[in-house]
Structures are given as structure tokens and as C-alpha cells.
């Protein structure tokens, strides 16, 4: 029953703020306005879902730089809460399946997101190259969930190499992000009204200039170890 309530809220507020973002960007031509609506979206959902957001290590990221944020993934609210925590124009690498929903595709396209089809390597490379070029025109940070999908048991899954490859290609610094508490939040009962504490821990940026494509596995393992060490039980 609780999961239905969560989905209904996610759908409603995502459509409301997503469409507001879409038309604002459409009329102004400025994708950066997604930051404003993304943060309001996140704050609205955190209030409705009774979440207390704790940010650790925010001093590791500066306002003047863009980054590749690489968090673990445990729940449906990881995305809106991350937008609050980073407090900057940030887009995500979205699953190809979302592009099959016309209204969401339009909203995310307009905001500067890309869709990646993991089953089609050529298509994925084309999408990533498009984002790399688009970032040059409209600078932004990018968030890539290291595991690709949400964990089903609260434990870290195998990390994909996509974030490392993207960092090597763009030379943007990679910031590992440990999200603690969202899996526990996702398992709460409908009648549990206690506030949930969710912590986002930001590591020091990993500079990617000296990494090559051959180092992608080493870089991926470094990201995973960093996240694992920051997670709060």
C-alpha cells in the first residue's frame, strides 16, 4: 500500500514540476532553469515523505566547478534528494526505458538529460558523445548511478564502468557519493510516521586527467571502495 502512495506522489509532483521546467526552458532557451525546479521537486518530496536530509563533505565540491557525481542507488527518492544535496544544475544518465514514455522523454530531453540503452552499445556511445558535446555549450554536472539499477537487498551491487569512462572522456572530476538511509526508508510501513534521516556523503573529487581508457577498471574499483567506506550502517 505504501509503495502505491509513493508512486502516486512521485508521478504527480514529477509531472507538475517537470512540465513547469519544460515550458520555462522552452520559452527562455536556458536549460539551467532545471536546477530551480529540480530542487523544489526534491524539497517537496522530502517534506511529503518526512525525510531529514543530512549532507556530509559538501566542502569537497566548489560552486565554480562541474563534476560527475557517482552515487550508489537504493530507492526511488535518490534522484530528487541528490538534486537538493548538490544544489547545482545537474542532469542524470537515464534508462532507455524512460524514453518510451512520451511526456517524460520530452521533459528530460529539454532539461539536458540523455537516455542510454545498455543493450545497444553503439546507441549508448552515440548518446554519451552527444552529452559530451552539449556540455561544452551548456556546462553542467552529471550524475551516474554506479550500479545502474537500485539494490534489492541494501547491499552494493556490481559497479558499472560507464561513470569511469565518461570521466576519462570528459576529464571532469568524479565525486563518489554515498547515500545512506534510503533503502531503510523504502522499507518503512505506511503508518510509520517517524522522520527518516538520510545522509549524502561527498568524497573528495577524483581528478581524471591522468587516467586513460585502460585504467577504467581501476578507477571504477576506487569509486566503489570510496563509497563503501563512507556508507553509514
C-alpha atoms as a PDB file:
ATOM      1  CA  UNK A   1       0.000   0.000   0.000  1.00  0.00           C
ATOM      2  CA  UNK A   2       2.828   2.418   0.875  1.00  0.00           C
ATOM      3  CA  UNK A   3       4.577   1.854  -2.445  1.00  0.00           C
ATOM      4  CA  UNK A   4       1.391   2.913  -4.272  1.00  0.00           C
ATOM      5  CA  UNK A   5       1.284   6.112  -2.208  1.00  0.00           C
ATOM      6  CA  UNK A   6       4.959   6.757  -3.026  1.00  0.00           C
ATOM      7  CA  UNK A   7       4.445   6.231  -6.758  1.00  0.00           C
ATOM      8  CA  UNK A   8       1.357   8.458  -6.851  1.00  0.00           C
ATOM      9  CA  UNK A   9       3.267  11.295  -5.209  1.00  0.00           C
ATOM     10  CA  UNK A  10       6.277  10.798  -7.444  1.00  0.00           C
ATOM     11  CA  UNK A  11       4.164  10.827 -10.594  1.00  0.00           C
ATOM     12  CA  UNK A  12       2.088  13.872  -9.602  1.00  0.00           C
ATOM     13  CA  UNK A  13       4.925  16.106  -8.385  1.00  0.00           C
ATOM     14  CA  UNK A  14       7.272  14.993 -11.143  1.00  0.00           C
ATOM     15  CA  UNK A  15       4.697  15.945 -13.758  1.00  0.00           C
ATOM     16  CA  UNK A  16       3.933  19.263 -12.068  1.00  0.00           C
ATOM     17  CA  UNK A  17       7.498  20.464 -11.705  1.00  0.00           C
ATOM     18  CA  UNK A  18       8.687  18.643 -14.815  1.00  0.00           C
ATOM     19  CA  UNK A  19       6.174  20.398 -17.042  1.00  0.00           C
ATOM     20  CA  UNK A  20       6.934  23.729 -15.328  1.00  0.00           C
ATOM     21  CA  UNK A  21      10.602  23.161 -16.126  1.00  0.00           C
ATOM     22  CA  UNK A  22       9.814  22.103 -19.694  1.00  0.00           C
ATOM     23  CA  UNK A  23       7.835  25.234 -20.562  1.00  0.00           C
ATOM     24  CA  UNK A  24      10.256  27.565 -18.770  1.00  0.00           C
ATOM     25  CA  UNK A  25      13.191  26.157 -20.737  1.00  0.00           C
ATOM     26  CA  UNK A  26      11.113  26.139 -23.931  1.00  0.00           C
ATOM     27  CA  UNK A  27      10.339  29.864 -23.662  1.00  0.00           C
ATOM     28  CA  UNK A  28      13.700  31.035 -22.293  1.00  0.00           C
ATOM     29  CA  UNK A  29      16.031  28.622 -24.096  1.00  0.00           C
ATOM     30  CA  UNK A  30      18.011  28.197 -20.875  1.00  0.00           C
ATOM     31  CA  UNK A  31      18.416  24.595 -19.668  1.00  0.00           C
ATOM     32  CA  UNK A  32      19.941  25.889 -16.427  1.00  0.00           C
ATOM     33  CA  UNK A  33      16.435  26.625 -15.109  1.00  0.00           C
ATOM     34  CA  UNK A  34      16.068  22.902 -14.485  1.00  0.00           C
ATOM     35  CA  UNK A  35      18.139  23.430 -11.321  1.00  0.00           C
ATOM     36  CA  UNK A  36      15.419  25.616  -9.783  1.00  0.00           C
ATOM     37  CA  UNK A  37      12.578  23.201 -10.468  1.00  0.00           C
ATOM     38  CA  UNK A  38      14.669  20.144  -9.596  1.00  0.00           C
ATOM     39  CA  UNK A  39      15.456  21.497  -6.136  1.00  0.00           C
ATOM     40  CA  UNK A  40      11.828  22.473  -5.463  1.00  0.00           C
ATOM     41  CA  UNK A  41      10.775  18.982  -6.615  1.00  0.00           C
ATOM     42  CA  UNK A  42      13.237  17.402  -4.209  1.00  0.00           C
ATOM     43  CA  UNK A  43      12.262  19.601  -1.262  1.00  0.00           C
ATOM     44  CA  UNK A  44       8.560  18.959  -1.846  1.00  0.00           C
ATOM     45  CA  UNK A  45       9.045  15.193  -1.879  1.00  0.00           C
ATOM     46  CA  UNK A  46      11.342  15.243   1.151  1.00  0.00           C
ATOM     47  CA  UNK A  47       8.632  17.114   3.074  1.00  0.00           C
ATOM     48  CA  UNK A  48       5.852  14.764   1.966  1.00  0.00           C
ATOM     49  CA  UNK A  49       7.950  11.661   2.671  1.00  0.00           C
ATOM     50  CA  UNK A  50       9.060  13.046   6.059  1.00  0.00           C
ATOM     51  CA  UNK A  51      12.780  12.967   5.308  1.00  0.00           C
ATOM     52  CA  UNK A  52      15.566  14.801   7.108  1.00  0.00           C
ATOM     53  CA  UNK A  53      18.428  15.263   4.661  1.00  0.00           C
ATOM     54  CA  UNK A  54      21.959  15.353   6.088  1.00  0.00           C
ATOM     55  CA  UNK A  55      24.826  16.387   3.803  1.00  0.00           C
ATOM     56  CA  UNK A  56      28.411  15.485   4.715  1.00  0.00           C
ATOM     57  CA  UNK A  57      31.514  16.611   2.827  1.00  0.00           C
ATOM     58  CA  UNK A  58      29.868  19.435   0.918  1.00  0.00           C
ATOM     59  CA  UNK A  59      33.099  21.388   1.369  1.00  0.00           C
ATOM     60  CA  UNK A  60      34.717  18.950  -1.073  1.00  0.00           C
ATOM     61  CA  UNK A  61      32.842  20.458  -4.023  1.00  0.00           C
ATOM     62  CA  UNK A  62      33.073  24.063  -5.139  1.00  0.00           C
ATOM     63  CA  UNK A  63      30.357  26.200  -6.672  1.00  0.00           C
ATOM     64  CA  UNK A  64      32.514  27.137  -9.663  1.00  0.00           C
ATOM     65  CA  UNK A  65      33.244  23.605 -10.879  1.00  0.00           C
ATOM     66  CA  UNK A  66      31.195  20.902 -12.557  1.00  0.00           C
ATOM     67  CA  UNK A  67      31.521  17.267 -11.583  1.00  0.00           C
ATOM     68  CA  UNK A  68      30.443  13.745 -12.324  1.00  0.00           C
ATOM     69  CA  UNK A  69      28.586  12.612  -9.213  1.00  0.00           C
ATOM     70  CA  UNK A  70      28.640   8.837  -8.787  1.00  0.00           C
ATOM     71  CA  UNK A  71      26.304   7.618  -6.031  1.00  0.00           C
ATOM     72  CA  UNK A  72      25.042   4.207  -5.012  1.00  0.00           C
ATOM     73  CA  UNK A  73      21.351   3.604  -5.708  1.00  0.00           C
ATOM     74  CA  UNK A  74      18.853   2.254  -3.181  1.00  0.00           C
ATOM     75  CA  UNK A  75      15.464   3.945  -3.600  1.00  0.00           C
ATOM     76  CA  UNK A  76      13.081   5.994  -5.697  1.00  0.00           C
ATOM     77  CA  UNK A  77      13.962   9.227  -3.889  1.00  0.00           C
ATOM     78  CA  UNK A  78      17.704   9.111  -4.520  1.00  0.00           C
ATOM     79  CA  UNK A  79      17.380  11.409  -7.545  1.00  0.00           C
ATOM     80  CA  UNK A  80      15.302  14.247  -6.023  1.00  0.00           C
ATOM     81  CA  UNK A  81      17.372  14.224  -2.820  1.00  0.00           C
ATOM     82  CA  UNK A  82      20.637  14.328  -4.765  1.00  0.00           C
ATOM     83  CA  UNK A  83      19.428  17.429  -6.608  1.00  0.00           C
ATOM     84  CA  UNK A  84      18.967  19.153  -3.240  1.00  0.00           C
ATOM     85  CA  UNK A  85      22.303  17.948  -1.906  1.00  0.00           C
ATOM     86  CA  UNK A  86      24.398  19.101  -4.883  1.00  0.00           C
ATOM     87  CA  UNK A  87      22.471  22.385  -5.311  1.00  0.00           C
ATOM     88  CA  UNK A  88      23.585  22.953  -8.914  1.00  0.00           C
ATOM     89  CA  UNK A  89      22.442  22.292 -12.469  1.00  0.00           C
ATOM     90  CA  UNK A  90      22.835  18.523 -12.644  1.00  0.00           C
ATOM     91  CA  UNK A  91      21.426  16.004 -15.103  1.00  0.00           C
ATOM     92  CA  UNK A  92      21.268  12.223 -14.965  1.00  0.00           C
ATOM     93  CA  UNK A  93      22.036   9.445 -17.382  1.00  0.00           C
ATOM     94  CA  UNK A  94      18.528   7.992 -17.722  1.00  0.00           C
ATOM     95  CA  UNK A  95      17.483   4.469 -18.603  1.00  0.00           C
ATOM     96  CA  UNK A  96      16.348   3.950 -22.192  1.00  0.00           C
ATOM     97  CA  UNK A  97      13.014   2.609 -20.939  1.00  0.00           C
ATOM     98  CA  UNK A  98      12.003   6.090 -19.742  1.00  0.00           C
ATOM     99  CA  UNK A  99      12.288   7.413 -23.296  1.00  0.00           C
ATOM    100  CA  UNK A 100       9.291   5.241 -24.201  1.00  0.00           C
ATOM    101  CA  UNK A 101       7.058   7.468 -22.035  1.00  0.00           C
ATOM    102  CA  UNK A 102       6.497  10.478 -24.362  1.00  0.00           C
ATOM    103  CA  UNK A 103       5.857  13.132 -21.701  1.00  0.00           C
ATOM    104  CA  UNK A 104       8.848  12.150 -19.569  1.00  0.00           C
ATOM    105  CA  UNK A 105      11.069  11.942 -22.632  1.00  0.00           C
ATOM    106  CA  UNK A 106      10.128  15.492 -23.602  1.00  0.00           C
ATOM    107  CA  UNK A 107      10.733  16.828 -20.088  1.00  0.00           C
ATOM    108  CA  UNK A 108      14.128  15.146 -19.687  1.00  0.00           C
ATOM    109  CA  UNK A 109      15.265  15.965 -23.233  1.00  0.00           C
ATOM    110  CA  UNK A 110      14.503  19.628 -22.688  1.00  0.00           C
ATOM    111  CA  UNK A 111      16.381  19.641 -19.356  1.00  0.00           C
ATOM    112  CA  UNK A 112      19.525  18.199 -20.949  1.00  0.00           C
ATOM    113  CA  UNK A 113      19.346  14.569 -19.839  1.00  0.00           C
ATOM    114  CA  UNK A 114      20.273  11.684 -22.145  1.00  0.00           C
ATOM    115  CA  UNK A 115      18.917   8.161 -22.428  1.00  0.00           C
ATOM    116  CA  UNK A 116      21.244   5.173 -22.556  1.00  0.00           C
ATOM    117  CA  UNK A 117      20.264   1.806 -23.973  1.00  0.00           C
ATOM    118  CA  UNK A 118      22.521  -0.683 -22.184  1.00  0.00           C
ATOM    119  CA  UNK A 119      21.567  -3.392 -24.685  1.00  0.00           C
ATOM    120  CA  UNK A 120      22.784  -1.345 -27.655  1.00  0.00           C
ATOM    121  CA  UNK A 121      26.409  -0.316 -27.277  1.00  0.00           C
ATOM    122  CA  UNK A 122      26.501   1.832 -30.435  1.00  0.00           C
ATOM    123  CA  UNK A 123      23.421   3.746 -29.326  1.00  0.00           C
ATOM    124  CA  UNK A 124      24.887   4.256 -25.837  1.00  0.00           C
ATOM    125  CA  UNK A 125      28.152   5.628 -27.238  1.00  0.00           C
ATOM    126  CA  UNK A 126      26.239   7.988 -29.536  1.00  0.00           C
ATOM    127  CA  UNK A 127      24.169   9.292 -26.604  1.00  0.00           C
ATOM    128  CA  UNK A 128      27.231   9.811 -24.409  1.00  0.00           C
ATOM    129  CA  UNK A 129      29.087  11.637 -27.199  1.00  0.00           C
ATOM    130  CA  UNK A 130      26.078  13.896 -27.674  1.00  0.00           C
ATOM    131  CA  UNK A 131      26.137  14.790 -23.957  1.00  0.00           C
ATOM    132  CA  UNK A 132      29.888  15.430 -24.025  1.00  0.00           C
ATOM    133  CA  UNK A 133      29.410  17.946 -26.860  1.00  0.00           C
ATOM    134  CA  UNK A 134      26.306  19.502 -25.301  1.00  0.00           C
ATOM    135  CA  UNK A 135      28.154  20.093 -22.015  1.00  0.00           C
ATOM    136  CA  UNK A 136      30.602  22.290 -23.925  1.00  0.00           C
ATOM    137  CA  UNK A 137      27.705  24.547 -24.957  1.00  0.00           C
ATOM    138  CA  UNK A 138      25.816  24.450 -21.652  1.00  0.00           C
ATOM    139  CA  UNK A 139      28.094  23.416 -18.760  1.00  0.00           C
ATOM    140  CA  UNK A 140      26.512  21.209 -16.115  1.00  0.00           C
ATOM    141  CA  UNK A 141      27.267  18.432 -13.682  1.00  0.00           C
ATOM    142  CA  UNK A 142      26.248  14.875 -14.460  1.00  0.00           C
ATOM    143  CA  UNK A 143      25.078  12.141 -12.085  1.00  0.00           C
ATOM    144  CA  UNK A 144      25.544   8.474 -12.939  1.00  0.00           C
ATOM    145  CA  UNK A 145      24.400   5.688 -10.629  1.00  0.00           C
ATOM    146  CA  UNK A 146      27.375   3.367 -10.387  1.00  0.00           C
ATOM    147  CA  UNK A 147      25.311   0.194 -10.076  1.00  0.00           C
ATOM    148  CA  UNK A 148      22.971   1.014 -12.933  1.00  0.00           C
ATOM    149  CA  UNK A 149      19.870  -0.086 -11.002  1.00  0.00           C
ATOM    150  CA  UNK A 150      18.590   0.010  -7.425  1.00  0.00           C
ATOM    151  CA  UNK A 151      19.829  -2.535  -4.930  1.00  0.00           C
ATOM    152  CA  UNK A 152      17.226  -5.113  -3.893  1.00  0.00           C
ATOM    153  CA  UNK A 153      18.762  -6.035  -0.548  1.00  0.00           C
ATOM    154  CA  UNK A 154      20.506  -2.874   0.640  1.00  0.00           C
ATOM    155  CA  UNK A 155      23.971  -4.106  -0.322  1.00  0.00           C
ATOM    156  CA  UNK A 156      26.144  -2.583  -3.029  1.00  0.00           C
ATOM    157  CA  UNK A 157      25.771  -4.220  -6.425  1.00  0.00           C
ATOM    158  CA  UNK A 158      28.479  -4.614  -9.030  1.00  0.00           C
ATOM    159  CA  UNK A 159      29.672  -1.213 -10.254  1.00  0.00           C
ATOM    160  CA  UNK A 160      29.439  -0.495 -13.977  1.00  0.00           C
ATOM    161  CA  UNK A 161      32.356   1.179 -15.749  1.00  0.00           C
ATOM    162  CA  UNK A 162      30.245   3.824 -17.509  1.00  0.00           C
ATOM    163  CA  UNK A 163      30.921   6.606 -14.999  1.00  0.00           C
ATOM    164  CA  UNK A 164      34.668   5.996 -15.144  1.00  0.00           C
ATOM    165  CA  UNK A 165      34.706   6.007 -18.936  1.00  0.00           C
ATOM    166  CA  UNK A 166      32.638   9.195 -19.033  1.00  0.00           C
ATOM    167  CA  UNK A 167      35.037  10.839 -16.580  1.00  0.00           C
ATOM    168  CA  UNK A 168      38.054   9.786 -18.633  1.00  0.00           C
ATOM    169  CA  UNK A 169      36.449  11.091 -21.834  1.00  0.00           C
ATOM    170  CA  UNK A 170      35.324  14.447 -20.406  1.00  0.00           C
ATOM    171  CA  UNK A 171      38.188  14.958 -17.919  1.00  0.00           C
ATOM    172  CA  UNK A 172      35.566  16.133 -15.406  1.00  0.00           C
ATOM    173  CA  UNK A 173      36.432  15.251 -11.802  1.00  0.00           C
ATOM    174  CA  UNK A 174      34.474  12.334 -10.329  1.00  0.00           C
ATOM    175  CA  UNK A 175      32.886  12.696  -6.895  1.00  0.00           C
ATOM    176  CA  UNK A 176      31.867   9.403  -5.229  1.00  0.00           C
ATOM    177  CA  UNK A 177      28.654   9.891  -3.227  1.00  0.00           C
ATOM    178  CA  UNK A 178      27.498   7.501  -0.509  1.00  0.00           C
ATOM    179  CA  UNK A 179      23.740   7.536   0.067  1.00  0.00           C
ATOM    180  CA  UNK A 180      22.812   6.073   3.454  1.00  0.00           C
ATOM    181  CA  UNK A 181      19.283   5.536   4.730  1.00  0.00           C
ATOM    182  CA  UNK A 182      17.173   5.476   1.584  1.00  0.00           C
ATOM    183  CA  UNK A 183      16.936   1.677   1.477  1.00  0.00           C
ATOM    184  CA  UNK A 184      15.697   1.650   5.084  1.00  0.00           C
ATOM    185  CA  UNK A 185      13.262   4.448   4.189  1.00  0.00           C
ATOM    186  CA  UNK A 186      11.904   2.402   1.286  1.00  0.00           C
ATOM    187  CA  UNK A 187      11.010  -0.439   3.668  1.00  0.00           C
ATOM    188  CA  UNK A 188       9.015   1.661   6.135  1.00  0.00           C
ATOM    189  CA  UNK A 189       5.368   0.818   6.743  1.00  0.00           C
ATOM    190  CA  UNK A 190       2.616   3.222   5.683  1.00  0.00           C
ATOM    191  CA  UNK A 191       1.755   4.045   9.297  1.00  0.00           C
ATOM    192  CA  UNK A 192       5.334   4.710  10.381  1.00  0.00           C
ATOM    193  CA  UNK A 193       5.346   8.492  10.835  1.00  0.00           C
ATOM    194  CA  UNK A 194       8.845   8.804  12.260  1.00  0.00           C
ATOM    195  CA  UNK A 195      11.157  11.131  10.336  1.00  0.00           C
ATOM    196  CA  UNK A 196      13.755   9.284   8.291  1.00  0.00           C
ATOM    197  CA  UNK A 197      17.350  10.542   8.363  1.00  0.00           C
ATOM    198  CA  UNK A 198      19.068  10.163   5.009  1.00  0.00           C
ATOM    199  CA  UNK A 199      22.731  11.068   4.613  1.00  0.00           C
ATOM    200  CA  UNK A 200      24.573  12.062   1.453  1.00  0.00           C
ATOM    201  CA  UNK A 201      28.342  11.872   1.930  1.00  0.00           C
ATOM    202  CA  UNK A 202      30.562  13.522  -0.696  1.00  0.00           C
ATOM    203  CA  UNK A 203      34.143  12.324  -1.105  1.00  0.00           C
ATOM    204  CA  UNK A 204      36.988  14.455  -2.380  1.00  0.00           C
ATOM    205  CA  UNK A 205      36.921  14.691  -6.196  1.00  0.00           C
ATOM    206  CA  UNK A 206      38.966  12.166  -8.134  1.00  0.00           C
ATOM    207  CA  UNK A 207      40.871  14.031 -10.840  1.00  0.00           C
ATOM    208  CA  UNK A 208      40.586  12.118 -14.128  1.00  0.00           C
ATOM    209  CA  UNK A 209      43.189  13.895 -16.282  1.00  0.00           C
ATOM    210  CA  UNK A 210      45.831  11.237 -15.691  1.00  0.00           C
ATOM    211  CA  UNK A 211      43.521   8.266 -16.277  1.00  0.00           C
ATOM    212  CA  UNK A 212      43.266   6.521 -19.645  1.00  0.00           C
ATOM    213  CA  UNK A 213      40.703   4.098 -21.044  1.00  0.00           C
ATOM    214  CA  UNK A 214      42.893   1.220 -19.904  1.00  0.00           C
ATOM    215  CA  UNK A 215      42.545   2.438 -16.307  1.00  0.00           C
ATOM    216  CA  UNK A 216      38.726   2.281 -16.292  1.00  0.00           C
ATOM    217  CA  UNK A 217      38.508  -0.824 -14.074  1.00  0.00           C
ATOM    218  CA  UNK A 218      40.996   0.578 -11.572  1.00  0.00           C
ATOM    219  CA  UNK A 219      39.054   3.858 -11.420  1.00  0.00           C
ATOM    220  CA  UNK A 220      35.736   2.023 -11.009  1.00  0.00           C
ATOM    221  CA  UNK A 221      37.129  -0.004  -8.117  1.00  0.00           C
ATOM    222  CA  UNK A 222      38.464   3.148  -6.483  1.00  0.00           C
ATOM    223  CA  UNK A 223      34.990   4.721  -6.672  1.00  0.00           C
ATOM    224  CA  UNK A 224      33.381   1.629  -5.152  1.00  0.00           C
ATOM    225  CA  UNK A 225      35.835   1.393  -2.262  1.00  0.00           C
ATOM    226  CA  UNK A 226      35.397   5.098  -1.526  1.00  0.00           C
ATOM    227  CA  UNK A 227      31.599   4.802  -1.416  1.00  0.00           C
ATOM    228  CA  UNK A 228      31.716   1.634   0.689  1.00  0.00           C
ATOM    229  CA  UNK A 229      33.951   3.331   3.260  1.00  0.00           C
ATOM    230  CA  UNK A 230      31.570   6.296   3.579  1.00  0.00           C
ATOM    231  CA  UNK A 231      28.321   4.338   3.942  1.00  0.00           C
ATOM    232  CA  UNK A 232      26.618   4.534   7.332  1.00  0.00           C
ATOM    233  CA  UNK A 233      25.132   1.265   8.614  1.00  0.00           C
END
